[in-house]
Amino acid sequence: MRYFVRSTAKSLELTGYVKNLDDGRVKIIAEGEPETLEKLLETIKNGEVGHITGIETHRKKATGEFGDFRIER
């Protein structure tokens, strides 16, 4: 899942990170234009990677702190 998200986010020129959480969930922090962020969400929802039981989103103003999109450990 992380590699799929990173690849998709990079292709959309988003910045941020993806990280596996201890409880099995995946955390994604992404910055970019609203339309591009929606494309990322749709690609994740429609992609055949991992077992997705739900998606929770929180929208905040971009901080500009990320230079690229990476996998965090």
Protein backbone atom coordinates (compact mmCIF):
# COMPACT_ATOMS: atom_id res chain seq x y z
CA MET A 1 0.00 0.00 0.00
CA ARG A 2 2.73 2.51 0.95
CA TYR A 3 4.60 2.10 -2.33
CA PHE A 4 1.38 2.43 -4.34
CA VAL A 5 0.44 5.62 -2.47
CA ARG A 6 3.94 7.09 -2.84
CA SER A 7 4.05 6.32 -6.56
CA THR A 8 0.59 7.79 -7.14
CA ALA A 9 1.28 10.90 -5.06
CA LYS A 10 4.58 11.53 -6.85
CA SER A 11 2.92 11.14 -10.25
CA LEU A 12 0.37 13.77 -9.15
CA GLU A 13 3.21 16.03 -7.91
CA LEU A 14 1.93 15.99 -4.31
CA THR A 15 4.17 16.33 -1.28
CA GLY A 16 3.92 14.66 2.13
CA TYR A 17 4.30 11.12 3.41
CA VAL A 18 2.67 7.73 3.91
CA LYS A 19 3.28 5.63 7.01
CA ASN A 20 2.09 2.30 8.45
CA LEU A 21 0.65 2.68 11.95
CA ASP A 22 1.09 0.08 14.69
CA ASP A 23 -2.63 -0.81 14.61
CA GLY A 24 -2.53 -1.75 10.91
CA ARG A 25 -3.91 1.50 9.54
CA VAL A 26 -2.06 3.64 7.02
CA LYS A 27 -1.56 7.37 7.60
CA ILE A 28 -1.21 9.67 4.60
CA ILE A 29 -0.33 13.34 4.87
CA ALA A 30 -0.52 14.99 1.45
CA GLU A 31 -0.27 18.58 0.29
CA GLY A 32 -1.34 19.91 -3.09
CA GLU A 33 -4.22 21.45 -4.97
CA PRO A 34 -7.68 20.29 -3.78
CA GLU A 35 -8.50 18.70 -7.16
CA THR A 36 -5.23 16.77 -7.14
CA LEU A 37 -5.80 15.55 -3.59
CA GLU A 38 -9.22 14.28 -4.69
CA LYS A 39 -7.53 12.37 -7.53
CA LEU A 40 -5.24 10.71 -4.97
CA LEU A 41 -8.22 9.70 -2.83
CA GLU A 42 -10.13 8.32 -5.82
CA THR A 43 -7.10 6.35 -6.99
CA ILE A 44 -6.67 4.82 -3.53
CA LYS A 45 -10.38 3.99 -3.28
CA ASN A 46 -10.45 2.40 -6.75
CA GLY A 47 -7.03 0.74 -6.60
CA GLU A 48 -6.68 -2.93 -5.88
CA VAL A 49 -4.01 -2.66 -3.19
CA GLY A 50 -4.47 -3.75 0.39
CA HIS A 51 -7.70 -4.23 2.27
CA ILE A 52 -9.38 -0.85 2.76
CA THR A 53 -12.22 -0.84 5.27
CA GLY A 54 -12.63 2.93 5.42
CA ILE A 55 -11.05 6.27 4.68
CA GLU A 56 -11.06 9.19 7.10
CA THR A 57 -9.99 12.62 5.85
CA HIS A 58 -9.07 15.81 7.67
CA ARG A 59 -8.50 18.95 5.64
CA LYS A 60 -6.13 21.63 6.87
CA LYS A 61 -4.23 24.50 5.33
CA ALA A 62 -0.98 23.34 3.70
CA THR A 63 2.17 24.07 5.68
CA GLY A 64 4.65 23.71 2.82
CA GLU A 65 6.96 21.69 5.08
CA PHE A 66 7.41 18.79 2.64
CA GLY A 67 9.80 18.88 -0.30
CA ASP A 68 8.65 15.60 -1.84
CA PHE A 69 6.45 12.58 -1.11
CA ARG A 70 8.12 9.85 0.92
CA ILE A 71 7.55 6.70 2.91
CA GLU A 72 8.08 7.15 6.65
CA ARG A 73 8.96 4.27 8.91
